[in-house]
Amino acid sequence: MSRTRGTGETGGRAHGVKELILANFDGAGKAPEYENPWLPRRGPKPHPALRLICFPHAGGGGAVYHRWSSLLPAEIDVLPVLLPGRERRIQEPPRRDLRGLAAEAADAIAPLADVPLAFFGHSMGALLAFETIRDLRRRGASPPLRLFAAAYAAPQTPRRSDSIHELPDREFLIEIQERFSGVPPQVAGDPDLLNLFLPILRADVAMIETYQYVDEPPLECPITALGGADDQQVSIADLAAWRSQTAGPFQQKIVMGGHFFVAERQAEVVRIVRAALGAHLA
């Protein structure tokens, strides 16, 4: 099986995903109300120095970022992005067009630009964060402080694998298993949960596989590209190619772990984020 560029997304570290789904509904089966469903939280953080917008990998939700608020300085308002079709938004259809999804995300994020923004994206989330920043730029928004692009090849890098998002369910899952170590056992072993998870994963893979890069000027913000030392999906060269997407400083960081090092090496990843953003704190 040839190596691919970055659809290695399967939610392969989706620990307790069934509990996450069930816990987000009350006894009446109704999701709790939030002012902004894209960035759900009980209340705003008072007087942040900056906001860190965090996009998940394909098939994933915001849970991987939930501890970041306690690991980063209090002046950083950590906002995990919750995409349609998962967790509290499970009743919404997942999107299949990445630029359209980026435009929706930009709609939700734009009102929060009263303080400087930074963006973090893991795998598919890195591409989605990149296109969201581009969309905000077209609206005249100020450049973010930084883009952290983790475990994903630079967007201009050609895909090197056959498309799988239109395969029948069985073949699709076989390909996912062979390419990316598969769907988590707690999902694969539960038919009801698999029926919930599969459309989300298929839609996300479709977004990646149908994405067409369009050349635009480089971003004005610095970019930090992060990769896992044992990631078989994204090479060092794939990460280095992000350099051409910024007119500002670029740095590349390699962390021990595989494609899901963001969860596996959370403390180390957060240290990298804190060091890069530290100059913007009071």
C-alpha atoms as a PDB file:
ATOM      1  CA  MET A   1       0.000   0.000   0.000  1.00  0.00           C
ATOM      2  CA  SER A   2       1.519   3.294  -1.076  1.00  0.00           C
ATOM      3  CA  ARG A   3       1.889   6.100   1.445  1.00  0.00           C
ATOM      4  CA  THR A   4      -0.793   8.768   1.289  1.00  0.00           C
ATOM      5  CA  ARG A   5      -0.890  12.427   2.214  1.00  0.00           C
ATOM      6  CA  GLY A   6      -2.873  13.111   5.269  1.00  0.00           C
ATOM      7  CA  THR A   7      -6.258  11.383   5.105  1.00  0.00           C
ATOM      8  CA  GLY A   8      -4.921   9.255   7.950  1.00  0.00           C
ATOM      9  CA  GLU A   9      -7.662  10.617  10.082  1.00  0.00           C
ATOM     10  CA  THR A  10      -9.969   7.905  11.193  1.00  0.00           C
ATOM     11  CA  GLY A  11     -10.515   9.028  14.727  1.00  0.00           C
ATOM     12  CA  GLY A  12      -8.144   6.183  15.597  1.00  0.00           C
ATOM     13  CA  ARG A  13      -7.699   7.730  19.053  1.00  0.00           C
ATOM     14  CA  ALA A  14     -11.392   8.417  19.628  1.00  0.00           C
ATOM     15  CA  HIS A  15     -11.342   7.111  23.191  1.00  0.00           C
ATOM     16  CA  GLY A  16     -14.800   6.914  24.747  1.00  0.00           C
ATOM     17  CA  VAL A  17     -16.474   8.208  21.620  1.00  0.00           C
ATOM     18  CA  LYS A  18     -19.802   6.559  22.507  1.00  0.00           C
ATOM     19  CA  GLU A  19     -19.727   8.152  25.936  1.00  0.00           C
ATOM     20  CA  LEU A  20     -18.942  11.522  24.346  1.00  0.00           C
ATOM     21  CA  ILE A  21     -21.937  11.228  22.051  1.00  0.00           C
ATOM     22  CA  LEU A  22     -24.336  10.119  24.758  1.00  0.00           C
ATOM     23  CA  ALA A  23     -23.087  12.594  27.357  1.00  0.00           C
ATOM     24  CA  ASN A  24     -23.865  15.535  25.136  1.00  0.00           C
ATOM     25  CA  PHE A  25     -27.609  14.974  25.284  1.00  0.00           C
ATOM     26  CA  ASP A  26     -29.943  15.357  28.217  1.00  0.00           C
ATOM     27  CA  GLY A  27     -32.593  12.853  29.259  1.00  0.00           C
ATOM     28  CA  ALA A  28     -34.983  14.137  26.595  1.00  0.00           C
ATOM     29  CA  GLY A  29     -32.411  13.525  23.870  1.00  0.00           C
ATOM     30  CA  LYS A  30     -31.961  17.242  23.292  1.00  0.00           C
ATOM     31  CA  ALA A  31     -28.567  18.864  22.919  1.00  0.00           C
ATOM     32  CA  PRO A  32     -27.868  21.730  25.350  1.00  0.00           C
ATOM     33  CA  GLU A  33     -28.077  25.219  23.884  1.00  0.00           C
ATOM     34  CA  TYR A  34     -24.961  27.308  23.294  1.00  0.00           C
ATOM     35  CA  GLU A  35     -24.627  30.806  21.917  1.00  0.00           C
ATOM     36  CA  ASN A  36     -22.223  29.573  19.229  1.00  0.00           C
ATOM     37  CA  PRO A  37     -22.613  25.893  18.294  1.00  0.00           C
ATOM     38  CA  TRP A  38     -19.298  25.949  16.405  1.00  0.00           C
ATOM     39  CA  LEU A  39     -17.392  26.941  19.535  1.00  0.00           C
ATOM     40  CA  PRO A  40     -19.513  25.612  22.407  1.00  0.00           C
ATOM     41  CA  ARG A  41     -18.731  26.798  25.897  1.00  0.00           C
ATOM     42  CA  ARG A  42     -20.684  27.692  28.995  1.00  0.00           C
ATOM     43  CA  GLY A  43     -19.453  31.273  29.084  1.00  0.00           C
ATOM     44  CA  PRO A  44     -16.755  33.539  27.637  1.00  0.00           C
ATOM     45  CA  LYS A  45     -13.333  33.794  29.247  1.00  0.00           C
ATOM     46  CA  PRO A  46     -12.932  37.295  30.698  1.00  0.00           C
ATOM     47  CA  HIS A  47     -10.272  39.547  29.173  1.00  0.00           C
ATOM     48  CA  PRO A  48      -8.203  37.058  27.147  1.00  0.00           C
ATOM     49  CA  ALA A  49      -4.993  38.228  25.477  1.00  0.00           C
ATOM     50  CA  LEU A  50      -5.740  35.996  22.494  1.00  0.00           C
ATOM     51  CA  ARG A  51      -8.007  33.199  21.318  1.00  0.00           C
ATOM     52  CA  LEU A  52      -6.705  29.864  20.058  1.00  0.00           C
ATOM     53  CA  ILE A  53      -9.119  28.266  17.575  1.00  0.00           C
ATOM     54  CA  CYS A  54      -8.553  24.484  17.391  1.00  0.00           C
ATOM     55  CA  PHE A  55      -9.775  22.325  14.493  1.00  0.00           C
ATOM     56  CA  PRO A  56     -10.083  18.500  14.818  1.00  0.00           C
ATOM     57  CA  HIS A  57      -8.889  15.677  12.565  1.00  0.00           C
ATOM     58  CA  ALA A  58     -11.355  13.939  10.250  1.00  0.00           C
ATOM     59  CA  GLY A  59     -13.944  11.941  12.135  1.00  0.00           C
ATOM     60  CA  GLY A  60     -12.977  13.788  15.312  1.00  0.00           C
ATOM     61  CA  GLY A  61     -14.605  16.257  17.650  1.00  0.00           C
ATOM     62  CA  GLY A  62     -13.318  18.841  20.056  1.00  0.00           C
ATOM     63  CA  ALA A  63     -12.601  16.482  22.945  1.00  0.00           C
ATOM     64  CA  VAL A  64      -8.862  16.206  22.254  1.00  0.00           C
ATOM     65  CA  TYR A  65      -8.496  19.921  23.070  1.00  0.00           C
ATOM     66  CA  HIS A  66     -10.599  20.011  26.222  1.00  0.00           C
ATOM     67  CA  ARG A  67      -7.593  19.912  28.591  1.00  0.00           C
ATOM     68  CA  TRP A  68      -5.676  22.608  26.773  1.00  0.00           C
ATOM     69  CA  SER A  69      -7.258  25.435  28.773  1.00  0.00           C
ATOM     70  CA  SER A  70      -5.750  24.004  31.946  1.00  0.00           C
ATOM     71  CA  LEU A  71      -2.352  23.452  30.297  1.00  0.00           C
ATOM     72  CA  LEU A  72      -1.990  26.890  28.697  1.00  0.00           C
ATOM     73  CA  PRO A  73      -1.784  30.305  30.406  1.00  0.00           C
ATOM     74  CA  ALA A  74      -5.087  31.746  31.560  1.00  0.00           C
ATOM     75  CA  GLU A  75      -4.733  34.621  29.083  1.00  0.00           C
ATOM     76  CA  ILE A  76      -5.239  32.201  26.183  1.00  0.00           C
ATOM     77  CA  ASP A  77      -8.879  31.453  25.424  1.00  0.00           C
ATOM     78  CA  VAL A  78      -8.857  27.923  23.943  1.00  0.00           C
ATOM     79  CA  LEU A  79     -11.821  27.304  21.632  1.00  0.00           C
ATOM     80  CA  PRO A  80     -12.178  23.803  20.121  1.00  0.00           C
ATOM     81  CA  VAL A  81     -14.201  23.876  16.913  1.00  0.00           C
ATOM     82  CA  LEU A  82     -17.166  21.515  16.860  1.00  0.00           C
ATOM     83  CA  LEU A  83     -18.028  20.601  13.280  1.00  0.00           C
ATOM     84  CA  PRO A  84     -21.525  19.638  12.080  1.00  0.00           C
ATOM     85  CA  GLY A  85     -22.481  15.995  12.495  1.00  0.00           C
ATOM     86  CA  ARG A  86     -20.630  15.159  15.708  1.00  0.00           C
ATOM     87  CA  GLU A  87     -21.011  15.373  19.472  1.00  0.00           C
ATOM     88  CA  ARG A  88     -23.613  18.049  20.305  1.00  0.00           C
ATOM     89  CA  ARG A  89     -24.210  18.645  16.588  1.00  0.00           C
ATOM     90  CA  ILE A  90     -24.810  15.009  15.748  1.00  0.00           C
ATOM     91  CA  GLN A  91     -28.275  15.752  14.348  1.00  0.00           C
ATOM     92  CA  GLU A  92     -26.797  18.040  11.671  1.00  0.00           C
ATOM     93  CA  PRO A  93     -25.570  16.581   8.373  1.00  0.00           C
ATOM     94  CA  PRO A  94     -21.773  16.450   8.036  1.00  0.00           C
ATOM     95  CA  ARG A  95     -20.409  18.677   5.297  1.00  0.00           C
ATOM     96  CA  ARG A  96     -18.662  17.365   2.183  1.00  0.00           C
ATOM     97  CA  ASP A  97     -17.175  20.554   0.738  1.00  0.00           C
ATOM     98  CA  LEU A  98     -14.134  21.857   2.573  1.00  0.00           C
ATOM     99  CA  ARG A  99     -14.193  25.431   1.321  1.00  0.00           C
ATOM    100  CA  GLY A 100     -17.896  25.684   2.085  1.00  0.00           C
ATOM    101  CA  LEU A 101     -17.219  24.399   5.580  1.00  0.00           C
ATOM    102  CA  ALA A 102     -14.377  26.892   5.986  1.00  0.00           C
ATOM    103  CA  ALA A 103     -16.754  29.716   5.039  1.00  0.00           C
ATOM    104  CA  GLU A 104     -19.245  28.552   7.681  1.00  0.00           C
ATOM    105  CA  ALA A 105     -16.461  28.349  10.255  1.00  0.00           C
ATOM    106  CA  ALA A 106     -15.310  31.845   9.315  1.00  0.00           C
ATOM    107  CA  ASP A 107     -18.855  33.128   9.895  1.00  0.00           C
ATOM    108  CA  ALA A 108     -18.741  31.709  13.414  1.00  0.00           C
ATOM    109  CA  ILE A 109     -15.196  32.880  14.191  1.00  0.00           C
ATOM    110  CA  ALA A 110     -15.311  36.423  12.767  1.00  0.00           C
ATOM    111  CA  PRO A 111     -17.245  37.928  15.741  1.00  0.00           C
ATOM    112  CA  LEU A 112     -14.519  36.659  18.088  1.00  0.00           C
ATOM    113  CA  ALA A 113     -11.773  38.734  16.460  1.00  0.00           C
ATOM    114  CA  ASP A 114     -12.121  41.483  19.056  1.00  0.00           C
ATOM    115  CA  VAL A 115      -8.853  40.053  20.379  1.00  0.00           C
ATOM    116  CA  PRO A 116      -6.043  38.487  18.300  1.00  0.00           C
ATOM    117  CA  LEU A 117      -6.612  34.954  17.022  1.00  0.00           C
ATOM    118  CA  ALA A 118      -4.318  31.976  16.519  1.00  0.00           C
ATOM    119  CA  PHE A 119      -5.276  28.726  14.782  1.00  0.00           C
ATOM    120  CA  PHE A 120      -4.343  25.105  15.450  1.00  0.00           C
ATOM    121  CA  GLY A 121      -5.403  22.259  13.165  1.00  0.00           C
ATOM    122  CA  HIS A 122      -4.700  18.539  13.398  1.00  0.00           C
ATOM    123  CA  SER A 123      -4.527  16.680  10.061  1.00  0.00           C
ATOM    124  CA  MET A 124      -7.692  17.538   8.125  1.00  0.00           C
ATOM    125  CA  GLY A 125      -8.111  20.297  10.690  1.00  0.00           C
ATOM    126  CA  ALA A 126      -4.876  21.915   9.498  1.00  0.00           C
ATOM    127  CA  LEU A 127      -6.266  22.212   5.973  1.00  0.00           C
ATOM    128  CA  LEU A 128      -9.582  23.499   7.296  1.00  0.00           C
ATOM    129  CA  ALA A 129      -7.836  26.070   9.514  1.00  0.00           C
ATOM    130  CA  PHE A 130      -5.748  27.214   6.527  1.00  0.00           C
ATOM    131  CA  GLU A 131      -8.805  27.725   4.314  1.00  0.00           C
ATOM    132  CA  THR A 132     -10.685  29.444   7.159  1.00  0.00           C
ATOM    133  CA  ILE A 133      -7.845  31.946   7.547  1.00  0.00           C
ATOM    134  CA  ARG A 134      -7.927  32.557   3.789  1.00  0.00           C
ATOM    135  CA  ASP A 135     -11.693  33.129   3.927  1.00  0.00           C
ATOM    136  CA  LEU A 136     -11.323  35.600   6.790  1.00  0.00           C
ATOM    137  CA  ARG A 137      -8.583  37.412   4.862  1.00  0.00           C
ATOM    138  CA  ARG A 138     -10.907  37.859   1.896  1.00  0.00           C
ATOM    139  CA  ARG A 139     -13.328  39.578   4.294  1.00  0.00           C
ATOM    140  CA  GLY A 140     -10.650  42.039   5.368  1.00  0.00           C
ATOM    141  CA  ALA A 141      -9.829  40.446   8.725  1.00  0.00           C
ATOM    142  CA  SER A 142      -6.474  41.047  10.365  1.00  0.00           C
ATOM    143  CA  PRO A 143      -3.946  38.212  10.016  1.00  0.00           C
ATOM    144  CA  PRO A 144      -3.911  35.745  12.912  1.00  0.00           C
ATOM    145  CA  LEU A 145      -0.941  35.551  15.226  1.00  0.00           C
ATOM    146  CA  ARG A 146       0.036  32.097  13.943  1.00  0.00           C
ATOM    147  CA  LEU A 147      -1.172  28.944  12.231  1.00  0.00           C
ATOM    148  CA  PHE A 148      -0.138  25.630  13.799  1.00  0.00           C
ATOM    149  CA  ALA A 149      -0.491  22.915  11.133  1.00  0.00           C
ATOM    150  CA  ALA A 150      -0.114  19.452  12.625  1.00  0.00           C
ATOM    151  CA  ALA A 151       0.148  16.095  10.810  1.00  0.00           C
ATOM    152  CA  TYR A 152      -0.872  17.318   7.377  1.00  0.00           C
ATOM    153  CA  ALA A 153       0.973  17.945   4.144  1.00  0.00           C
ATOM    154  CA  ALA A 154       1.050  21.499   2.826  1.00  0.00           C
ATOM    155  CA  PRO A 155      -2.146  22.132   0.842  1.00  0.00           C
ATOM    156  CA  GLN A 156      -0.406  22.538  -2.514  1.00  0.00           C
ATOM    157  CA  THR A 157       1.132  19.045  -2.224  1.00  0.00           C
ATOM    158  CA  PRO A 158      -0.517  16.620  -4.690  1.00  0.00           C
ATOM    159  CA  ARG A 159      -2.370  13.646  -3.247  1.00  0.00           C
ATOM    160  CA  ARG A 160      -0.591  10.353  -3.780  1.00  0.00           C
ATOM    161  CA  SER A 161      -3.377   7.849  -3.199  1.00  0.00           C
ATOM    162  CA  ASP A 162      -6.546   6.627  -4.850  1.00  0.00           C
ATOM    163  CA  SER A 163      -9.833   8.090  -3.664  1.00  0.00           C
ATOM    164  CA  ILE A 164     -11.898   5.877  -1.376  1.00  0.00           C
ATOM    165  CA  HIS A 165     -14.803   8.039  -0.210  1.00  0.00           C
ATOM    166  CA  GLU A 166     -17.241   6.603  -2.797  1.00  0.00           C
ATOM    167  CA  LEU A 167     -16.506   2.950  -2.046  1.00  0.00           C
ATOM    168  CA  PRO A 168     -19.253   0.770  -0.514  1.00  0.00           C
ATOM    169  CA  ASP A 169     -19.164   0.683   3.272  1.00  0.00           C
ATOM    170  CA  ARG A 170     -17.317  -2.625   3.602  1.00  0.00           C
ATOM    171  CA  GLU A 171     -14.608  -1.710   1.089  1.00  0.00           C
ATOM    172  CA  PHE A 172     -14.314   1.777   2.531  1.00  0.00           C
ATOM    173  CA  LEU A 173     -13.716   0.394   6.010  1.00  0.00           C
ATOM    174  CA  ILE A 174     -11.188  -2.133   4.702  1.00  0.00           C
ATOM    175  CA  GLU A 175      -9.228   0.682   3.067  1.00  0.00           C
ATOM    176  CA  ILE A 176      -9.406   2.735   6.245  1.00  0.00           C
ATOM    177  CA  GLN A 177      -8.094  -0.241   8.211  1.00  0.00           C
ATOM    178  CA  GLU A 178      -5.266  -0.956   5.792  1.00  0.00           C
ATOM    179  CA  ARG A 179      -4.144   2.623   5.328  1.00  0.00           C
ATOM    180  CA  PHE A 180      -4.604   4.106   8.750  1.00  0.00           C
ATOM    181  CA  SER A 181      -4.740   1.288  11.316  1.00  0.00           C
ATOM    182  CA  GLY A 182      -8.493   1.357  11.257  1.00  0.00           C
ATOM    183  CA  VAL A 183     -11.550   2.515  13.083  1.00  0.00           C
ATOM    184  CA  PRO A 184     -11.266   2.270  16.889  1.00  0.00           C
ATOM    185  CA  PRO A 185     -12.358  -1.143  18.229  1.00  0.00           C
ATOM    186  CA  GLN A 186     -15.044   0.416  20.427  1.00  0.00           C
ATOM    187  CA  VAL A 187     -16.584   1.859  17.265  1.00  0.00           C
ATOM    188  CA  ALA A 188     -16.063  -1.099  14.928  1.00  0.00           C
ATOM    189  CA  GLY A 189     -17.564  -3.476  17.490  1.00  0.00           C
ATOM    190  CA  ASP A 190     -20.761  -1.482  18.014  1.00  0.00           C
ATOM    191  CA  PRO A 191     -23.066  -1.458  14.943  1.00  0.00           C
ATOM    192  CA  ASP A 192     -25.125   1.478  16.229  1.00  0.00           C
ATOM    193  CA  LEU A 193     -22.047   3.569  16.926  1.00  0.00           C
ATOM    194  CA  LEU A 194     -20.488   2.577  13.610  1.00  0.00           C
ATOM    195  CA  ASN A 195     -23.634   3.754  11.819  1.00  0.00           C
ATOM    196  CA  LEU A 196     -23.200   7.139  13.495  1.00  0.00           C
ATOM    197  CA  PHE A 197     -19.472   7.361  12.884  1.00  0.00           C
ATOM    198  CA  LEU A 198     -19.215   6.116   9.310  1.00  0.00           C
ATOM    199  CA  PRO A 199     -21.112   8.973   7.573  1.00  0.00           C
ATOM    200  CA  ILE A 200     -18.999  11.527   9.441  1.00  0.00           C
ATOM    201  CA  LEU A 201     -15.758   9.831   8.474  1.00  0.00           C
ATOM    202  CA  ARG A 202     -16.851   9.308   4.867  1.00  0.00           C
ATOM    203  CA  ALA A 203     -17.877  12.962   4.514  1.00  0.00           C
ATOM    204  CA  ASP A 204     -14.579  14.140   5.971  1.00  0.00           C
ATOM    205  CA  VAL A 205     -12.565  11.887   3.675  1.00  0.00           C
ATOM    206  CA  ALA A 206     -14.643  13.194   0.758  1.00  0.00           C
ATOM    207  CA  MET A 207     -13.736  16.764   1.718  1.00  0.00           C
ATOM    208  CA  ILE A 208     -10.050  15.897   1.696  1.00  0.00           C
ATOM    209  CA  GLU A 209     -10.138  13.900  -1.520  1.00  0.00           C
ATOM    210  CA  THR A 210     -12.178  16.439  -3.508  1.00  0.00           C
ATOM    211  CA  TYR A 211     -10.290  19.489  -2.260  1.00  0.00           C
ATOM    212  CA  GLN A 212      -8.657  21.466  -5.064  1.00  0.00           C
ATOM    213  CA  TYR A 213      -5.884  23.811  -4.052  1.00  0.00           C
ATOM    214  CA  VAL A 214      -6.141  27.328  -5.523  1.00  0.00           C
ATOM    215  CA  ASP A 215      -3.037  29.477  -5.603  1.00  0.00           C
ATOM    216  CA  GLU A 216      -3.306  32.680  -3.541  1.00  0.00           C
ATOM    217  CA  PRO A 217      -0.723  34.944  -1.890  1.00  0.00           C
ATOM    218  CA  PRO A 218       0.970  33.408   1.152  1.00  0.00           C
ATOM    219  CA  LEU A 219      -0.536  34.036   4.555  1.00  0.00           C
ATOM    220  CA  GLU A 220       0.831  37.014   6.449  1.00  0.00           C
ATOM    221  CA  CYS A 221       0.999  35.066   9.707  1.00  0.00           C
ATOM    222  CA  PRO A 222       3.826  32.764  10.846  1.00  0.00           C
ATOM    223  CA  ILE A 223       3.296  29.035  10.422  1.00  0.00           C
ATOM    224  CA  THR A 224       4.463  26.250  12.693  1.00  0.00           C
ATOM    225  CA  ALA A 225       4.293  22.814  11.034  1.00  0.00           C
ATOM    226  CA  LEU A 226       4.279  19.902  13.478  1.00  0.00           C
ATOM    227  CA  GLY A 227       4.820  16.264  12.603  1.00  0.00           C
ATOM    228  CA  GLY A 228       5.056  12.902  14.310  1.00  0.00           C
ATOM    229  CA  ALA A 229       8.412  11.160  14.079  1.00  0.00           C
ATOM    230  CA  ASP A 230       6.669   7.860  13.344  1.00  0.00           C
ATOM    231  CA  ASP A 231       3.866   9.236  11.167  1.00  0.00           C
ATOM    232  CA  GLN A 232       3.687   7.095   8.024  1.00  0.00           C
ATOM    233  CA  GLN A 233       1.189   9.435   6.365  1.00  0.00           C
ATOM    234  CA  VAL A 234       3.052  12.760   6.390  1.00  0.00           C
ATOM    235  CA  SER A 235       6.732  13.109   5.533  1.00  0.00           C
ATOM    236  CA  ILE A 236       9.271  15.693   6.648  1.00  0.00           C
ATOM    237  CA  ALA A 237       9.173  17.123   3.123  1.00  0.00           C
ATOM    238  CA  ASP A 238       5.366  17.351   3.279  1.00  0.00           C
ATOM    239  CA  LEU A 239       5.663  19.459   6.429  1.00  0.00           C
ATOM    240  CA  ALA A 240       8.509  21.596   5.063  1.00  0.00           C
ATOM    241  CA  ALA A 241       6.317  22.528   2.087  1.00  0.00           C
ATOM    242  CA  TRP A 242       4.193  24.671   4.431  1.00  0.00           C
ATOM    243  CA  ARG A 243       7.068  27.186   4.289  1.00  0.00           C
ATOM    244  CA  SER A 244       5.799  28.507   0.955  1.00  0.00           C
ATOM    245  CA  GLN A 245       2.384  29.286   2.484  1.00  0.00           C
ATOM    246  CA  THR A 246       3.652  32.093   4.715  1.00  0.00           C
ATOM    247  CA  ALA A 247       5.255  35.450   4.040  1.00  0.00           C
ATOM    248  CA  GLY A 248       6.358  35.452   7.673  1.00  0.00           C
ATOM    249  CA  PRO A 249       8.494  33.219   9.862  1.00  0.00           C
ATOM    250  CA  PHE A 250       8.260  29.442   9.543  1.00  0.00           C
ATOM    251  CA  GLN A 251       9.246  26.709  11.947  1.00  0.00           C
ATOM    252  CA  GLN A 252       9.019  22.939  11.818  1.00  0.00           C
ATOM    253  CA  LYS A 253       8.749  20.759  14.902  1.00  0.00           C
ATOM    254  CA  ILE A 254       8.955  16.971  15.089  1.00  0.00           C
ATOM    255  CA  VAL A 255       7.339  15.225  18.056  1.00  0.00           C
ATOM    256  CA  MET A 256       7.698  11.597  19.059  1.00  0.00           C
ATOM    257  CA  GLY A 257       4.660   9.565  18.055  1.00  0.00           C
ATOM    258  CA  GLY A 258       2.568   8.669  15.039  1.00  0.00           C
ATOM    259  CA  HIS A 259      -0.157  10.457  13.141  1.00  0.00           C
ATOM    260  CA  PHE A 260      -2.122  11.049  16.352  1.00  0.00           C
ATOM    261  CA  PHE A 261       0.770  12.554  18.299  1.00  0.00           C
ATOM    262  CA  VAL A 262      -1.401  15.585  19.158  1.00  0.00           C
ATOM    263  CA  ALA A 263      -3.299  13.351  21.589  1.00  0.00           C
ATOM    264  CA  GLU A 264      -0.434  10.960  22.387  1.00  0.00           C
ATOM    265  CA  ARG A 265       2.043  13.755  23.234  1.00  0.00           C
ATOM    266  CA  GLN A 266      -0.374  16.417  24.339  1.00  0.00           C
ATOM    267  CA  ALA A 267       1.872  18.053  26.930  1.00  0.00           C
ATOM    268  CA  GLU A 268       4.748  18.403  24.460  1.00  0.00           C
ATOM    269  CA  VAL A 269       2.476  19.833  21.759  1.00  0.00           C
ATOM    270  CA  VAL A 270       1.031  22.340  24.224  1.00  0.00           C
ATOM    271  CA  ARG A 271       4.559  23.396  25.231  1.00  0.00           C
ATOM    272  CA  ILE A 272       5.317  24.169  21.570  1.00  0.00           C
ATOM    273  CA  VAL A 273       2.123  26.203  21.286  1.00  0.00           C
ATOM    274  CA  ARG A 274       2.823  28.075  24.528  1.00  0.00           C
ATOM    275  CA  ALA A 275       6.389  28.930  23.485  1.00  0.00           C
ATOM    276  CA  ALA A 276       5.259  30.242  20.093  1.00  0.00           C
ATOM    277  CA  LEU A 277       2.474  32.394  21.559  1.00  0.00           C
ATOM    278  CA  GLY A 278       4.254  33.507  24.699  1.00  0.00           C
ATOM    279  CA  ALA A 279       5.464  36.783  23.188  1.00  0.00           C
ATOM    280  CA  HIS A 280       1.848  37.858  22.701  1.00  0.00           C
ATOM    281  CA  LEU A 281       0.934  37.526  26.372  1.00  0.00           C
ATOM    282  CA  ALA A 282       1.101  40.395  28.825  1.00  0.00           C
END
